[in-house]
C-alpha atoms as a PDB file:
ATOM      1  CA  UNK A   1     -14.274  12.612   5.902  1.00  0.00           C
ATOM      2  CA  UNK A   2     -11.895  13.355   8.817  1.00  0.00           C
ATOM      3  CA  UNK A   3     -14.271  16.128  10.262  1.00  0.00           C
ATOM      4  CA  UNK A   4     -17.123  13.656  10.080  1.00  0.00           C
ATOM      5  CA  UNK A   5     -15.299  11.056  12.100  1.00  0.00           C
ATOM      6  CA  UNK A   6     -14.184  13.733  14.553  1.00  0.00           C
ATOM      7  CA  UNK A   7     -17.644  15.077  15.001  1.00  0.00           C
ATOM      8  CA  UNK A   8     -19.079  11.458  15.436  1.00  0.00           C
ATOM      9  CA  UNK A   9     -16.422  10.697  18.105  1.00  0.00           C
ATOM     10  CA  UNK A  10     -17.285  13.931  19.922  1.00  0.00           C
ATOM     11  CA  UNK A  11     -21.089  13.188  19.782  1.00  0.00           C
ATOM     12  CA  UNK A  12     -20.442   9.545  21.174  1.00  0.00           C
ATOM     13  CA  UNK A  13     -18.368  10.970  23.972  1.00  0.00           C
ATOM     14  CA  UNK A  14     -20.955  13.582  24.810  1.00  0.00           C
ATOM     15  CA  UNK A  15     -23.613  10.810  24.758  1.00  0.00           C
ATOM     16  CA  UNK A  16     -21.573   8.656  27.207  1.00  0.00           C
ATOM     17  CA  UNK A  17     -21.219  11.649  29.501  1.00  0.00           C
ATOM     18  CA  UNK A  18     -25.112  12.133  29.678  1.00  0.00           C
ATOM     19  CA  UNK A  19     -25.649   8.518  30.254  1.00  0.00           C
ATOM     20  CA  UNK A  20     -23.383   8.454  33.134  1.00  0.00           C
ATOM     21  CA  UNK A  21     -24.960  11.631  34.605  1.00  0.00           C
ATOM     22  CA  UNK A  22     -28.478  10.185  34.097  1.00  0.00           C
ATOM     23  CA  UNK A  23     -27.777   6.852  35.865  1.00  0.00           C
ATOM     24  CA  UNK A  24     -28.163   8.069  39.546  1.00  0.00           C
ATOM     25  CA  UNK A  25     -31.326   9.935  38.513  1.00  0.00           C
ATOM     26  CA  UNK A  26     -32.896   7.009  37.010  1.00  0.00           C
ATOM     27  CA  UNK A  27     -31.961   4.636  39.820  1.00  0.00           C
ATOM     28  CA  UNK A  28     -33.495   7.208  42.263  1.00  0.00           C
ATOM     29  CA  UNK A  29     -36.669   7.484  40.285  1.00  0.00           C
ATOM     30  CA  UNK A  30     -37.173   3.612  40.026  1.00  0.00           C
ATOM     31  CA  UNK A  31     -36.211   2.904  43.679  1.00  0.00           C
ATOM     32  CA  UNK A  32     -38.978   3.189  46.314  1.00  0.00           C
ATOM     33  CA  UNK A  33     -38.539   6.128  48.557  1.00  0.00           C
ATOM     34  CA  UNK A  34     -37.228   5.333  52.028  1.00  0.00           C
ATOM     35  CA  UNK A  35     -40.257   5.332  54.427  1.00  0.00           C
ATOM     36  CA  UNK A  36     -42.670   5.349  51.579  1.00  0.00           C
ATOM     37  CA  UNK A  37     -46.134   4.296  52.460  1.00  0.00           C
ATOM     38  CA  UNK A  38     -47.381   1.201  50.719  1.00  0.00           C
ATOM     39  CA  UNK A  39     -50.817   2.028  49.508  1.00  0.00           C
ATOM     40  CA  UNK A  40     -53.637  -0.531  50.209  1.00  0.00           C
ATOM     41  CA  UNK A  41     -56.437  -0.887  47.579  1.00  0.00           C
ATOM     42  CA  UNK A  42     -58.677   1.114  49.921  1.00  0.00           C
ATOM     43  CA  UNK A  43     -56.219   3.785  50.410  1.00  0.00           C
ATOM     44  CA  UNK A  44     -55.618   4.094  46.678  1.00  0.00           C
ATOM     45  CA  UNK A  45     -59.400   4.319  46.070  1.00  0.00           C
ATOM     46  CA  UNK A  46     -59.682   6.989  48.717  1.00  0.00           C
ATOM     47  CA  UNK A  47     -56.835   9.065  47.060  1.00  0.00           C
ATOM     48  CA  UNK A  48     -58.581   8.690  43.710  1.00  0.00           C
ATOM     49  CA  UNK A  49     -61.863   9.941  45.060  1.00  0.00           C
ATOM     50  CA  UNK A  50     -60.213  12.872  46.915  1.00  0.00           C
ATOM     51  CA  UNK A  51     -58.348  13.752  43.612  1.00  0.00           C
ATOM     52  CA  UNK A  52     -61.814  14.387  41.900  1.00  0.00           C
ATOM     53  CA  UNK A  53     -62.571  16.850  44.758  1.00  0.00           C
ATOM     54  CA  UNK A  54     -63.794  16.146  48.284  1.00  0.00           C
ATOM     55  CA  UNK A  55     -64.965  17.901  51.471  1.00  0.00           C
ATOM     56  CA  UNK A  56     -64.800  17.006  55.221  1.00  0.00           C
ATOM     57  CA  UNK A  57     -68.135  17.196  56.800  1.00  0.00           C
ATOM     58  CA  UNK A  58     -69.423  17.012  60.460  1.00  0.00           C
ATOM     59  CA  UNK A  59     -73.009  15.700  60.985  1.00  0.00           C
ATOM     60  CA  UNK A  60     -74.751  18.309  63.133  1.00  0.00           C
ATOM     61  CA  UNK A  61     -76.753  15.634  65.066  1.00  0.00           C
ATOM     62  CA  UNK A  62     -74.264  12.818  65.625  1.00  0.00           C
ATOM     63  CA  UNK A  63     -70.984  14.903  65.533  1.00  0.00           C
ATOM     64  CA  UNK A  64     -69.521  12.157  63.145  1.00  0.00           C
ATOM     65  CA  UNK A  65     -67.107  13.345  60.668  1.00  0.00           C
ATOM     66  CA  UNK A  66     -66.489  11.911  57.130  1.00  0.00           C
ATOM     67  CA  UNK A  67     -65.218  13.033  53.766  1.00  0.00           C
ATOM     68  CA  UNK A  68     -67.592  13.150  50.844  1.00  0.00           C
ATOM     69  CA  UNK A  69     -66.074  13.029  47.429  1.00  0.00           C
ATOM     70  CA  UNK A  70     -67.490  14.687  44.273  1.00  0.00           C
ATOM     71  CA  UNK A  71     -68.560  11.266  43.088  1.00  0.00           C
ATOM     72  CA  UNK A  72     -70.479  10.637  46.446  1.00  0.00           C
ATOM     73  CA  UNK A  73     -68.036   8.283  47.916  1.00  0.00           C
ATOM     74  CA  UNK A  74     -67.707   8.415  51.699  1.00  0.00           C
ATOM     75  CA  UNK A  75     -64.359   8.135  53.319  1.00  0.00           C
ATOM     76  CA  UNK A  76     -64.113   7.631  57.067  1.00  0.00           C
ATOM     77  CA  UNK A  77     -62.503  10.330  59.199  1.00  0.00           C
ATOM     78  CA  UNK A  78     -59.882   7.875  60.503  1.00  0.00           C
ATOM     79  CA  UNK A  79     -58.726   7.142  56.962  1.00  0.00           C
ATOM     80  CA  UNK A  80     -58.518  11.019  56.337  1.00  0.00           C
ATOM     81  CA  UNK A  81     -56.424  11.375  59.383  1.00  0.00           C
ATOM     82  CA  UNK A  82     -54.007   8.557  58.389  1.00  0.00           C
ATOM     83  CA  UNK A  83     -53.672   9.995  54.840  1.00  0.00           C
ATOM     84  CA  UNK A  84     -53.002  13.427  56.372  1.00  0.00           C
ATOM     85  CA  UNK A  85     -50.458  12.052  58.686  1.00  0.00           C
ATOM     86  CA  UNK A  86     -48.645  10.477  55.769  1.00  0.00           C
ATOM     87  CA  UNK A  87     -48.619  13.855  54.064  1.00  0.00           C
ATOM     88  CA  UNK A  88     -50.696  12.679  51.158  1.00  0.00           C
ATOM     89  CA  UNK A  89     -53.706  14.941  51.643  1.00  0.00           C
ATOM     90  CA  UNK A  90     -54.375  18.337  53.173  1.00  0.00           C
ATOM     91  CA  UNK A  91     -57.573  20.132  54.176  1.00  0.00           C
ATOM     92  CA  UNK A  92     -58.440  23.751  54.094  1.00  0.00           C
ATOM     93  CA  UNK A  93     -59.422  24.604  57.754  1.00  0.00           C
ATOM     94  CA  UNK A  94     -60.801  28.013  56.739  1.00  0.00           C
ATOM     95  CA  UNK A  95     -64.485  27.162  56.416  1.00  0.00           C
ATOM     96  CA  UNK A  96     -66.309  25.423  59.365  1.00  0.00           C
ATOM     97  CA  UNK A  97     -66.477  21.714  59.258  1.00  0.00           C
ATOM     98  CA  UNK A  98     -70.305  21.591  59.230  1.00  0.00           C
ATOM     99  CA  UNK A  99     -70.238  23.632  55.981  1.00  0.00           C
ATOM    100  CA  UNK A 100     -67.558  21.329  54.475  1.00  0.00           C
ATOM    101  CA  UNK A 101     -63.829  21.847  54.500  1.00  0.00           C
ATOM    102  CA  UNK A 102     -62.178  21.111  51.084  1.00  0.00           C
ATOM    103  CA  UNK A 103     -59.741  18.150  51.060  1.00  0.00           C
ATOM    104  CA  UNK A 104     -57.221  17.978  48.292  1.00  0.00           C
ATOM    105  CA  UNK A 105     -54.006  15.926  47.436  1.00  0.00           C
ATOM    106  CA  UNK A 106     -50.666  17.129  48.305  1.00  0.00           C
ATOM    107  CA  UNK A 107     -47.830  16.975  45.773  1.00  0.00           C
ATOM    108  CA  UNK A 108     -46.645  13.877  47.618  1.00  0.00           C
ATOM    109  CA  UNK A 109     -50.196  12.319  47.314  1.00  0.00           C
ATOM    110  CA  UNK A 110     -50.274  13.104  43.575  1.00  0.00           C
ATOM    111  CA  UNK A 111     -46.777  11.495  43.176  1.00  0.00           C
ATOM    112  CA  UNK A 112     -47.881   8.392  45.165  1.00  0.00           C
ATOM    113  CA  UNK A 113     -51.047   7.980  42.875  1.00  0.00           C
ATOM    114  CA  UNK A 114     -48.827   8.438  39.804  1.00  0.00           C
ATOM    115  CA  UNK A 115     -46.314   5.879  41.056  1.00  0.00           C
ATOM    116  CA  UNK A 116     -48.978   3.377  41.724  1.00  0.00           C
ATOM    117  CA  UNK A 117     -50.359   3.784  38.266  1.00  0.00           C
ATOM    118  CA  UNK A 118     -46.895   3.347  36.701  1.00  0.00           C
ATOM    119  CA  UNK A 119     -46.022   0.233  38.763  1.00  0.00           C
ATOM    120  CA  UNK A 120     -46.548  -2.864  36.563  1.00  0.00           C
ATOM    121  CA  UNK A 121     -48.849  -5.169  38.328  1.00  0.00           C
ATOM    122  CA  UNK A 122     -48.608  -8.283  36.088  1.00  0.00           C
ATOM    123  CA  UNK A 123     -46.702  -9.362  33.154  1.00  0.00           C
ATOM    124  CA  UNK A 124     -48.180  -8.621  29.723  1.00  0.00           C
ATOM    125  CA  UNK A 125     -50.482 -11.350  28.439  1.00  0.00           C
ATOM    126  CA  UNK A 126     -49.077 -13.922  26.190  1.00  0.00           C
ATOM    127  CA  UNK A 127     -50.366 -13.838  22.672  1.00  0.00           C
ATOM    128  CA  UNK A 128     -52.818 -16.422  21.571  1.00  0.00           C
ATOM    129  CA  UNK A 129     -51.613 -18.503  18.662  1.00  0.00           C
ATOM    130  CA  UNK A 130     -54.099 -20.247  16.418  1.00  0.00           C
ATOM    131  CA  UNK A 131     -53.191 -23.303  14.443  1.00  0.00           C
ATOM    132  CA  UNK A 132     -52.244 -22.433  10.853  1.00  0.00           C
ATOM    133  CA  UNK A 133     -54.394 -25.146   9.318  1.00  0.00           C
ATOM    134  CA  UNK A 134     -57.911 -25.952   9.672  1.00  0.00           C
ATOM    135  CA  UNK A 135     -59.248 -29.398  10.946  1.00  0.00           C
ATOM    136  CA  UNK A 136     -59.188 -31.952   8.210  1.00  0.00           C
ATOM    137  CA  UNK A 137     -62.649 -33.171   9.034  1.00  0.00           C
ATOM    138  CA  UNK A 138     -65.557 -31.127  10.377  1.00  0.00           C
ATOM    139  CA  UNK A 139     -66.905 -31.936  13.792  1.00  0.00           C
ATOM    140  CA  UNK A 140     -70.040 -34.006  13.790  1.00  0.00           C
ATOM    141  CA  UNK A 141     -73.192 -32.514  15.128  1.00  0.00           C
ATOM    142  CA  UNK A 142     -75.717 -34.441  17.060  1.00  0.00           C
END
């Protein structure tokens, strides 16, 4: 019996050490990163579209540039530049723009999307409770 108590005490001490070591890691994971970009709904939608695959094209006649995602969503070039500046997306400049340059999420972009999905937006709905008894008289129909 003495060995069991001793082993239990050692296990509890090790568990306390682990919890103390994990506290700063958990605090850092739940705290927003300093200088982190708050995503608008529009930015979030653009990142989701780019995540499925996208290319930057330049229109040969007008010279206008825009991103077209695999789903057909068009993203303005200005938004791409802003997301690139924030380090959330990167484009492959190898192919010419008129042929389409692939645009993809960076690790920071994927982390931002994941964090946006994890963030609770509302409280869980309250459960609907029905009365335990039925009405004593049926409703009259007209």
